[in-house]
PDB file of all heavy atoms in Angstrom:
ATOM      1  N   CYS A   1      11.771  13.007   8.147  1.00  0.00           N
ATOM      2  CA  CYS A   1      11.866  11.825   9.004  1.00  0.00           C
ATOM      3  C   CYS A   1      11.151  12.021  10.341  1.00  0.00           C
ATOM      4  O   CYS A   1      10.805  11.039  11.015  1.00  0.00           O
ATOM      5  CB  CYS A   1      13.327  11.446   9.236  1.00  0.00           C
ATOM      6  SG  CYS A   1      14.313  12.753   9.987  1.00  0.00           S
ATOM      7  N   ASP A   2      10.907  13.278  10.724  1.00  0.00           N
ATOM      8  CA  ASP A   2      10.243  13.553  12.004  1.00  0.00           C
ATOM      9  C   ASP A   2       8.718  13.439  11.919  1.00  0.00           C
ATOM     10  O   ASP A   2       8.054  13.310  12.961  1.00  0.00           O
ATOM     11  CB  ASP A   2      10.617  14.956  12.492  1.00  0.00           C
ATOM     12  CG  ASP A   2      12.110  15.095  12.747  1.00  0.00           C
ATOM     13  OD1 ASP A   2      12.679  14.179  13.374  1.00  0.00           O
ATOM     14  OD2 ASP A   2      12.682  16.100  12.301  1.00  0.00           O
ATOM     15  N   ILE A   3       8.159  13.555  10.732  1.00  0.00           N
ATOM     16  CA  ILE A   3       6.694  13.541  10.620  1.00  0.00           C
ATOM     17  C   ILE A   3       6.179  12.393   9.734  1.00  0.00           C
ATOM     18  O   ILE A   3       4.997  12.319   9.406  1.00  0.00           O
ATOM     19  CB  ILE A   3       6.161  14.884  10.059  1.00  0.00           C
ATOM     20  CG1 ILE A   3       6.739  15.151   8.664  1.00  0.00           C
ATOM     21  CG2 ILE A   3       6.484  16.030  11.016  1.00  0.00           C
ATOM     22  CD1 ILE A   3       6.101  16.361   7.988  1.00  0.00           C
ATOM     23  N   ILE A   4       7.070  11.505   9.355  1.00  0.00           N
ATOM     24  CA  ILE A   4       6.715  10.415   8.442  1.00  0.00           C
ATOM     25  C   ILE A   4       5.689   9.460   9.063  1.00  0.00           C
ATOM     26  O   ILE A   4       5.723   9.199  10.277  1.00  0.00           O
ATOM     27  CB  ILE A   4       8.000   9.650   8.033  1.00  0.00           C
ATOM     28  CG1 ILE A   4       7.707   8.639   6.951  1.00  0.00           C
ATOM     29  CG2 ILE A   4       8.604   8.959   9.241  1.00  0.00           C
ATOM     30  CD1 ILE A   4       8.970   7.949   6.433  1.00  0.00           C
ATOM     31  N   LYS A   5       4.784   8.956   8.247  1.00  0.00           N
ATOM     32  CA  LYS A   5       3.866   7.884   8.654  1.00  0.00           C
ATOM     33  C   LYS A   5       4.448   6.575   8.145  1.00  0.00           C
ATOM     34  O   LYS A   5       4.627   6.392   6.938  1.00  0.00           O
ATOM     35  CB  LYS A   5       2.486   8.103   8.046  1.00  0.00           C
ATOM     36  CG  LYS A   5       1.769   9.326   8.591  1.00  0.00           C
ATOM     37  CD  LYS A   5       0.476   9.561   7.835  1.00  0.00           C
ATOM     38  CE  LYS A   5      -0.231  10.797   8.378  1.00  0.00           C
ATOM     39  NZ  LYS A   5      -1.410  11.176   7.557  1.00  0.00           N
ATOM     40  N   THR A   6       4.724   5.685   9.049  1.00  0.00           N
ATOM     41  CA  THR A   6       5.458   4.471   8.674  1.00  0.00           C
ATOM     42  C   THR A   6       4.569   3.247   8.503  1.00  0.00           C
ATOM     43  O   THR A   6       5.071   2.166   8.194  1.00  0.00           O
ATOM     44  CB  THR A   6       6.526   4.161   9.737  1.00  0.00           C
ATOM     45  OG1 THR A   6       5.878   4.021  11.019  1.00  0.00           O
ATOM     46  CG2 THR A   6       7.574   5.264   9.801  1.00  0.00           C
ATOM     47  N   ASN A   7       3.266   3.416   8.693  1.00  0.00           N
ATOM     48  CA  ASN A   7       2.396   2.226   8.640  1.00  0.00           C
ATOM     49  C   ASN A   7       1.218   2.342   7.669  1.00  0.00           C
ATOM     50  O   ASN A   7       0.104   1.935   7.999  1.00  0.00           O
ATOM     51  CB  ASN A   7       1.863   1.905  10.040  1.00  0.00           C
ATOM     52  CG  ASN A   7       1.038   3.053  10.594  1.00  0.00           C
ATOM     53  OD1 ASN A   7       1.087   4.165  10.070  1.00  0.00           O
ATOM     54  ND2 ASN A   7       0.272   2.775  11.640  1.00  0.00           N
ATOM     55  N   PRO A   8       1.413   2.919   6.474  1.00  0.00           N
ATOM     56  CA  PRO A   8       0.296   2.935   5.530  1.00  0.00           C
ATOM     57  C   PRO A   8       0.059   1.528   4.958  1.00  0.00           C
ATOM     58  O   PRO A   8       0.931   0.653   5.055  1.00  0.00           O
ATOM     59  CB  PRO A   8       0.781   3.887   4.434  1.00  0.00           C
ATOM     60  CG  PRO A   8       2.262   3.684   4.433  1.00  0.00           C
ATOM     61  CD  PRO A   8       2.633   3.500   5.876  1.00  0.00           C
ATOM     62  N   ILE A   9      -1.091   1.338   4.360  1.00  0.00           N
ATOM     63  CA  ILE A   9      -1.365   0.071   3.669  1.00  0.00           C
ATOM     64  C   ILE A   9      -0.498   0.017   2.419  1.00  0.00           C
ATOM     65  O   ILE A   9      -0.477   0.965   1.625  1.00  0.00           O
ATOM     66  CB  ILE A   9      -2.853  -0.044   3.289  1.00  0.00           C
ATOM     67  CG1 ILE A   9      -3.713  -0.011   4.547  1.00  0.00           C
ATOM     68  CG2 ILE A   9      -3.122  -1.311   2.483  1.00  0.00           C
ATOM     69  CD1 ILE A   9      -5.196   0.071   4.258  1.00  0.00           C
ATOM     70  N   ILE A  10       0.237  -1.093   2.259  1.00  0.00           N
ATOM     71  CA  ILE A  10       1.081  -1.246   1.077  1.00  0.00           C
ATOM     72  C   ILE A  10       0.795  -2.602   0.414  1.00  0.00           C
ATOM     73  O   ILE A  10       0.184  -3.478   1.025  1.00  0.00           O
ATOM     74  CB  ILE A  10       2.581  -1.130   1.423  1.00  0.00           C
ATOM     75  CG1 ILE A  10       3.004  -2.262   2.369  1.00  0.00           C
ATOM     76  CG2 ILE A  10       2.886   0.236   2.018  1.00  0.00           C
ATOM     77  CD1 ILE A  10       4.508  -2.307   2.615  1.00  0.00           C
ATOM     78  N   LEU A  11       1.249  -2.739  -0.815  1.00  0.00           N
ATOM     79  CA  LEU A  11       1.122  -4.001  -1.542  1.00  0.00           C
ATOM     80  C   LEU A  11       2.497  -4.529  -1.899  1.00  0.00           C
ATOM     81  O   LEU A  11       3.413  -3.751  -2.184  1.00  0.00           O
ATOM     82  CB  LEU A  11       0.329  -3.820  -2.837  1.00  0.00           C
ATOM     83  CG  LEU A  11      -1.182  -3.633  -2.764  1.00  0.00           C
ATOM     84  CD1 LEU A  11      -1.729  -3.469  -4.180  1.00  0.00           C
ATOM     85  CD2 LEU A  11      -1.878  -4.784  -2.067  1.00  0.00           C
ATOM     86  N   ASN A  12       2.615  -5.857  -1.896  1.00  0.00           N
ATOM     87  CA  ASN A  12       3.801  -6.500  -2.435  1.00  0.00           C
ATOM     88  C   ASN A  12       3.600  -6.688  -3.929  1.00  0.00           C
ATOM     89  O   ASN A  12       2.486  -6.945  -4.380  1.00  0.00           O
ATOM     90  CB  ASN A  12       4.002  -7.849  -1.735  1.00  0.00           C
ATOM     91  CG  ASN A  12       5.271  -8.545  -2.173  1.00  0.00           C
ATOM     92  OD1 ASN A  12       5.337  -9.124  -3.266  1.00  0.00           O
ATOM     93  ND2 ASN A  12       6.288  -8.483  -1.324  1.00  0.00           N
ATOM     94  N   GLU A  13       4.643  -6.577  -4.707  1.00  0.00           N
ATOM     95  CA  GLU A  13       4.513  -6.675  -6.164  1.00  0.00           C
ATOM     96  C   GLU A  13       3.948  -8.018  -6.629  1.00  0.00           C
ATOM     97  O   GLU A  13       3.485  -8.151  -7.759  1.00  0.00           O
ATOM     98  CB  GLU A  13       5.868  -6.436  -6.833  1.00  0.00           C
ATOM     99  CG  GLU A  13       6.912  -7.490  -6.510  1.00  0.00           C
ATOM    100  CD  GLU A  13       8.209  -7.271  -7.258  1.00  0.00           C
ATOM    101  OE1 GLU A  13       8.194  -6.581  -8.302  1.00  0.00           O
ATOM    102  OE2 GLU A  13       9.255  -7.784  -6.783  1.00  0.00           O
ATOM    103  N   LYS A  14       3.962  -9.038  -5.783  1.00  0.00           N
ATOM    104  CA  LYS A  14       3.450 -10.349  -6.151  1.00  0.00           C
ATOM    105  C   LYS A  14       1.945 -10.478  -5.914  1.00  0.00           C
ATOM    106  O   LYS A  14       1.322 -11.481  -6.279  1.00  0.00           O
ATOM    107  CB  LYS A  14       4.166 -11.442  -5.345  1.00  0.00           C
ATOM    108  CG  LYS A  14       5.665 -11.510  -5.579  1.00  0.00           C
ATOM    109  CD  LYS A  14       5.988 -11.828  -7.035  1.00  0.00           C
ATOM    110  CE  LYS A  14       7.491 -11.975  -7.232  1.00  0.00           C
ATOM    111  NZ  LYS A  14       7.840 -12.181  -8.656  1.00  0.00           N
ATOM    112  N   GLN A  15       1.356  -9.444  -5.287  1.00  0.00           N
ATOM    113  CA  GLN A  15      -0.083  -9.495  -5.047  1.00  0.00           C
ATOM    114  C   GLN A  15      -0.844  -9.189  -6.342  1.00  0.00           C
ATOM    115  O   GLN A  15      -0.255  -8.927  -7.392  1.00  0.00           O
ATOM    116  CB  GLN A  15      -0.452  -8.524  -3.917  1.00  0.00           C
ATOM    117  CG  GLN A  15       0.009  -9.017  -2.559  1.00  0.00           C
ATOM    118  CD  GLN A  15      -0.368  -8.082  -1.428  1.00  0.00           C
ATOM    119  OE1 GLN A  15       0.400  -7.186  -1.072  1.00  0.00           O
ATOM    120  NE2 GLN A  15      -1.553  -8.289  -0.864  1.00  0.00           N
ATOM    121  N   THR A  16      -2.181  -9.241  -6.269  1.00  0.00           N
ATOM    122  CA  THR A  16      -3.003  -9.171  -7.474  1.00  0.00           C
ATOM    123  C   THR A  16      -3.803  -7.879  -7.558  1.00  0.00           C
ATOM    124  O   THR A  16      -3.893  -7.122  -6.580  1.00  0.00           O
ATOM    125  CB  THR A  16      -3.995 -10.353  -7.505  1.00  0.00           C
ATOM    126  OG1 THR A  16      -4.947 -10.180  -6.425  1.00  0.00           O
ATOM    127  CG2 THR A  16      -3.285 -11.686  -7.341  1.00  0.00           C
ATOM    128  N   ILE A  17      -4.409  -7.692  -8.727  1.00  0.00           N
ATOM    129  CA  ILE A  17      -5.323  -6.559  -8.918  1.00  0.00           C
ATOM    130  C   ILE A  17      -6.473  -6.629  -7.925  1.00  0.00           C
ATOM    131  O   ILE A  17      -6.900  -5.605  -7.376  1.00  0.00           O
ATOM    132  CB  ILE A  17      -5.879  -6.555 -10.360  1.00  0.00           C
ATOM    133  CG1 ILE A  17      -4.837  -6.011 -11.327  1.00  0.00           C
ATOM    134  CG2 ILE A  17      -7.126  -5.696 -10.471  1.00  0.00           C
ATOM    135  CD1 ILE A  17      -4.605  -4.531 -11.228  1.00  0.00           C
ATOM    136  N   ASN A  18      -6.975  -7.824  -7.679  1.00  0.00           N
ATOM    137  CA  ASN A  18      -8.073  -7.960  -6.715  1.00  0.00           C
ATOM    138  C   ASN A  18      -7.646  -7.480  -5.326  1.00  0.00           C
ATOM    139  O   ASN A  18      -8.433  -6.867  -4.598  1.00  0.00           O
ATOM    140  CB  ASN A  18      -8.561  -9.413  -6.651  1.00  0.00           C
ATOM    141  CG  ASN A  18      -9.415  -9.778  -7.846  1.00  0.00           C
ATOM    142  OD1 ASN A  18     -10.106  -8.930  -8.395  1.00  0.00           O
ATOM    143  ND2 ASN A  18      -9.354 -11.030  -8.264  1.00  0.00           N
ATOM    144  N   ASP A  19      -6.399  -7.764  -4.958  1.00  0.00           N
ATOM    145  CA  ASP A  19      -5.884  -7.264  -3.678  1.00  0.00           C
ATOM    146  C   ASP A  19      -5.885  -5.738  -3.673  1.00  0.00           C
ATOM    147  O   ASP A  19      -6.259  -5.104  -2.676  1.00  0.00           O
ATOM    148  CB  ASP A  19      -4.454  -7.771  -3.443  1.00  0.00           C
ATOM    149  CG  ASP A  19      -4.400  -9.278  -3.242  1.00  0.00           C
ATOM    150  OD1 ASP A  19      -5.350  -9.831  -2.663  1.00  0.00           O
ATOM    151  OD2 ASP A  19      -3.413  -9.895  -3.677  1.00  0.00           O
ATOM    152  N   ALA A  20      -5.468  -5.158  -4.796  1.00  0.00           N
ATOM    153  CA  ALA A  20      -5.452  -3.697  -4.905  1.00  0.00           C
ATOM    154  C   ALA A  20      -6.857  -3.125  -4.793  1.00  0.00           C
ATOM    155  O   ALA A  20      -7.082  -2.124  -4.102  1.00  0.00           O
ATOM    156  CB  ALA A  20      -4.819  -3.275  -6.228  1.00  0.00           C
ATOM    157  N   LEU A  21      -7.822  -3.751  -5.482  1.00  0.00           N
ATOM    158  CA  LEU A  21      -9.206  -3.281  -5.423  1.00  0.00           C
ATOM    159  C   LEU A  21      -9.753  -3.363  -4.002  1.00  0.00           C
ATOM    160  O   LEU A  21     -10.501  -2.488  -3.552  1.00  0.00           O
ATOM    161  CB  LEU A  21     -10.079  -4.109  -6.371  1.00  0.00           C
ATOM    162  CG  LEU A  21      -9.864  -3.866  -7.866  1.00  0.00           C
ATOM    163  CD1 LEU A  21     -10.576  -4.923  -8.692  1.00  0.00           C
ATOM    164  CD2 LEU A  21     -10.338  -2.475  -8.254  1.00  0.00           C
ATOM    165  N   ASN A  22      -9.386  -4.418  -3.287  1.00  0.00           N
ATOM    166  CA  ASN A  22      -9.871  -4.587  -1.916  1.00  0.00           C
ATOM    167  C   ASN A  22      -9.247  -3.585  -0.952  1.00  0.00           C
ATOM    168  O   ASN A  22      -9.874  -3.197   0.035  1.00  0.00           O
ATOM    169  CB  ASN A  22      -9.572  -6.011  -1.428  1.00  0.00           C
ATOM    170  CG  ASN A  22     -10.412  -7.053  -2.141  1.00  0.00           C
ATOM    171  OD1 ASN A  22     -11.511  -6.760  -2.607  1.00  0.00           O
ATOM    172  ND2 ASN A  22      -9.896  -8.272  -2.236  1.00  0.00           N
ATOM    173  N   CYS A  23      -8.010  -3.165  -1.245  1.00  0.00           N
ATOM    174  CA  CYS A  23      -7.273  -2.310  -0.306  1.00  0.00           C
ATOM    175  C   CYS A  23      -7.390  -0.814  -0.583  1.00  0.00           C
ATOM    176  O   CYS A  23      -7.252  -0.003   0.328  1.00  0.00           O
ATOM    177  CB  CYS A  23      -5.795  -2.687  -0.305  1.00  0.00           C
ATOM    178  SG  CYS A  23      -5.443  -4.321   0.359  1.00  0.00           S
ATOM    179  N   ILE A  24      -7.635  -0.437  -1.849  1.00  0.00           N
ATOM    180  CA  ILE A  24      -7.537   0.974  -2.220  1.00  0.00           C
ATOM    181  C   ILE A  24      -8.507   1.851  -1.439  1.00  0.00           C
ATOM    182  O   ILE A  24      -8.199   2.985  -1.092  1.00  0.00           O
ATOM    183  CB  ILE A  24      -7.734   1.162  -3.756  1.00  0.00           C
ATOM    184  CG1 ILE A  24      -7.351   2.581  -4.188  1.00  0.00           C
ATOM    185  CG2 ILE A  24      -9.142   0.823  -4.189  1.00  0.00           C
ATOM    186  CD1 ILE A  24      -5.896   2.849  -4.228  1.00  0.00           C
ATOM    187  N   GLY A  25      -9.680   1.308  -1.147  1.00  0.00           N
ATOM    188  CA  GLY A  25     -10.666   2.092  -0.401  1.00  0.00           C
ATOM    189  C   GLY A  25     -10.258   2.357   1.034  1.00  0.00           C
ATOM    190  O   GLY A  25     -10.704   3.322   1.651  1.00  0.00           O
ATOM    191  N   GLU A  26      -9.405   1.505   1.572  1.00  0.00           N
ATOM    192  CA  GLU A  26      -8.957   1.661   2.956  1.00  0.00           C
ATOM    193  C   GLU A  26      -7.704   2.523   3.070  1.00  0.00           C
ATOM    194  O   GLU A  26      -7.306   2.912   4.165  1.00  0.00           O
ATOM    195  CB  GLU A  26      -8.683   0.288   3.565  1.00  0.00           C
ATOM    196  CG  GLU A  26      -9.907  -0.623   3.593  1.00  0.00           C
ATOM    197  CD  GLU A  26      -9.533  -2.014   4.070  1.00  0.00           C
ATOM    198  OE1 GLU A  26      -8.537  -2.128   4.830  1.00  0.00           O
ATOM    199  OE2 GLU A  26     -10.220  -2.970   3.699  1.00  0.00           O
ATOM    200  N   ALA A  27      -7.074   2.805   1.940  1.00  0.00           N
ATOM    201  CA  ALA A  27      -5.827   3.575   1.945  1.00  0.00           C
ATOM    202  C   ALA A  27      -6.149   5.054   2.169  1.00  0.00           C
ATOM    203  O   ALA A  27      -6.640   5.741   1.282  1.00  0.00           O
ATOM    204  CB  ALA A  27      -5.082   3.386   0.640  1.00  0.00           C
ATOM    205  N   LYS A  28      -5.873   5.547   3.345  1.00  0.00           N
ATOM    206  CA  LYS A  28      -6.242   6.919   3.702  1.00  0.00           C
ATOM    207  C   LYS A  28      -5.510   7.967   2.873  1.00  0.00           C
ATOM    208  O   LYS A  28      -5.946   9.112   2.755  1.00  0.00           O
ATOM    209  CB  LYS A  28      -5.982   7.149   5.187  1.00  0.00           C
ATOM    210  CG  LYS A  28      -6.878   6.301   6.082  1.00  0.00           C
ATOM    211  CD  LYS A  28      -6.591   6.553   7.554  1.00  0.00           C
ATOM    212  CE  LYS A  28      -7.488   5.690   8.426  1.00  0.00           C
ATOM    213  NZ  LYS A  28      -7.217   5.875   9.880  1.00  0.00           N
ATOM    214  N   ILE A  29      -4.391   7.579   2.287  1.00  0.00           N
ATOM    215  CA  ILE A  29      -3.625   8.531   1.473  1.00  0.00           C
ATOM    216  C   ILE A  29      -4.091   8.543   0.020  1.00  0.00           C
ATOM    217  O   ILE A  29      -3.599   9.310  -0.792  1.00  0.00           O
ATOM    218  CB  ILE A  29      -2.119   8.223   1.529  1.00  0.00           C
ATOM    219  CG1 ILE A  29      -1.847   6.752   1.194  1.00  0.00           C
ATOM    220  CG2 ILE A  29      -1.557   8.598   2.885  1.00  0.00           C
ATOM    221  CD1 ILE A  29      -0.377   6.392   1.112  1.00  0.00           C
ATOM    222  N   GLY A  30      -5.056   7.673  -0.346  1.00  0.00           N
ATOM    223  CA  GLY A  30      -5.626   7.695  -1.693  1.00  0.00           C
ATOM    224  C   GLY A  30      -4.851   6.890  -2.710  1.00  0.00           C
ATOM    225  O   GLY A  30      -5.199   6.888  -3.885  1.00  0.00           O
ATOM    226  N   TYR A  31      -3.774   6.215  -2.281  1.00  0.00           N
ATOM    227  CA  TYR A  31      -3.037   5.354  -3.200  1.00  0.00           C
ATOM    228  C   TYR A  31      -2.366   4.252  -2.393  1.00  0.00           C
ATOM    229  O   TYR A  31      -2.310   4.292  -1.150  1.00  0.00           O
ATOM    230  CB  TYR A  31      -2.004   6.141  -4.006  1.00  0.00           C
ATOM    231  CG  TYR A  31      -0.968   6.875  -3.178  1.00  0.00           C
ATOM    232  CD1 TYR A  31       0.178   6.225  -2.711  1.00  0.00           C
ATOM    233  CD2 TYR A  31      -1.129   8.230  -2.859  1.00  0.00           C
ATOM    234  CE1 TYR A  31       1.118   6.897  -1.947  1.00  0.00           C
ATOM    235  CE2 TYR A  31      -0.182   8.905  -2.104  1.00  0.00           C
ATOM    236  CZ  TYR A  31       0.927   8.239  -1.649  1.00  0.00           C
ATOM    237  OH  TYR A  31       1.871   8.901  -0.883  1.00  0.00           O
ATOM    238  N   LEU A  32      -1.829   3.268  -3.110  1.00  0.00           N
ATOM    239  CA  LEU A  32      -1.157   2.145  -2.468  1.00  0.00           C
ATOM    240  C   LEU A  32       0.293   2.082  -2.927  1.00  0.00           C
ATOM    241  O   LEU A  32       0.566   1.870  -4.112  1.00  0.00           O
ATOM    242  CB  LEU A  32      -1.837   0.824  -2.843  1.00  0.00           C
ATOM    243  CG  LEU A  32      -3.286   0.640  -2.387  1.00  0.00           C
ATOM    244  CD1 LEU A  32      -3.880  -0.574  -3.075  1.00  0.00           C
ATOM    245  CD2 LEU A  32      -3.340   0.468  -0.866  1.00  0.00           C
ATOM    246  N   PRO A  33       1.262   2.264  -2.017  1.00  0.00           N
ATOM    247  CA  PRO A  33       2.659   2.019  -2.395  1.00  0.00           C
ATOM    248  C   PRO A  33       2.858   0.521  -2.684  1.00  0.00           C
ATOM    249  O   PRO A  33       2.289  -0.332  -2.005  1.00  0.00           O
ATOM    250  CB  PRO A  33       3.446   2.441  -1.151  1.00  0.00           C
ATOM    251  CG  PRO A  33       2.517   3.362  -0.407  1.00  0.00           C
ATOM    252  CD  PRO A  33       1.146   2.818  -0.664  1.00  0.00           C
ATOM    253  N   VAL A  34       3.637   0.233  -3.715  1.00  0.00           N
ATOM    254  CA  VAL A  34       3.936  -1.158  -4.069  1.00  0.00           C
ATOM    255  C   VAL A  34       5.430  -1.377  -3.893  1.00  0.00           C
ATOM    256  O   VAL A  34       6.248  -0.601  -4.413  1.00  0.00           O
ATOM    257  CB  VAL A  34       3.525  -1.466  -5.527  1.00  0.00           C
ATOM    258  CG1 VAL A  34       3.821  -2.928  -5.865  1.00  0.00           C
ATOM    259  CG2 VAL A  34       2.051  -1.157  -5.746  1.00  0.00           C
ATOM    260  N   VAL A  35       5.785  -2.438  -3.150  1.00  0.00           N
ATOM    261  CA  VAL A  35       7.195  -2.701  -2.868  1.00  0.00           C
ATOM    262  C   VAL A  35       7.590  -4.078  -3.376  1.00  0.00           C
ATOM    263  O   VAL A  35       6.752  -4.963  -3.565  1.00  0.00           O
ATOM    264  CB  VAL A  35       7.485  -2.589  -1.355  1.00  0.00           C
ATOM    265  CG1 VAL A  35       7.166  -1.190  -0.842  1.00  0.00           C
ATOM    266  CG2 VAL A  35       6.697  -3.632  -0.565  1.00  0.00           C
ATOM    267  N   THR A  36       8.892  -4.258  -3.577  1.00  0.00           N
ATOM    268  CA  THR A  36       9.420  -5.561  -3.986  1.00  0.00           C
ATOM    269  C   THR A  36       9.582  -6.441  -2.753  1.00  0.00           C
ATOM    270  O   THR A  36       9.369  -6.000  -1.611  1.00  0.00           O
ATOM    271  CB  THR A  36      10.774  -5.399  -4.673  1.00  0.00           C
ATOM    272  OG1 THR A  36      11.723  -4.909  -3.709  1.00  0.00           O
ATOM    273  CG2 THR A  36      10.694  -4.423  -5.844  1.00  0.00           C
ATOM    274  N   ALA A  37      10.002  -7.670  -2.980  1.00  0.00           N
ATOM    275  CA  ALA A  37      10.208  -8.610  -1.870  1.00  0.00           C
ATOM    276  C   ALA A  37      11.285  -8.121  -0.904  1.00  0.00           C
ATOM    277  O   ALA A  37      11.290  -8.462   0.277  1.00  0.00           O
ATOM    278  CB  ALA A  37      10.578  -9.984  -2.418  1.00  0.00           C
ATOM    279  N   THR A  38      12.206  -7.281  -1.403  1.00  0.00           N
ATOM    280  CA  THR A  38      13.291  -6.761  -0.545  1.00  0.00           C
ATOM    281  C   THR A  38      12.954  -5.387   0.047  1.00  0.00           C
ATOM    282  O   THR A  38      13.813  -4.756   0.669  1.00  0.00           O
ATOM    283  CB  THR A  38      14.591  -6.660  -1.359  1.00  0.00           C
ATOM    284  OG1 THR A  38      14.372  -5.805  -2.493  1.00  0.00           O
ATOM    285  CG2 THR A  38      15.025  -8.037  -1.837  1.00  0.00           C
TER     286      THR A  38
END
């Protein structure tokens, strides 16, 4: 909790593959976390 990065690029599960393709290159960690609406 002391070294966590809290602002990576993430996707909502309702977004699309095109959104993922557009974002993956900008994700410095090499992947995109996907979260639900909650």
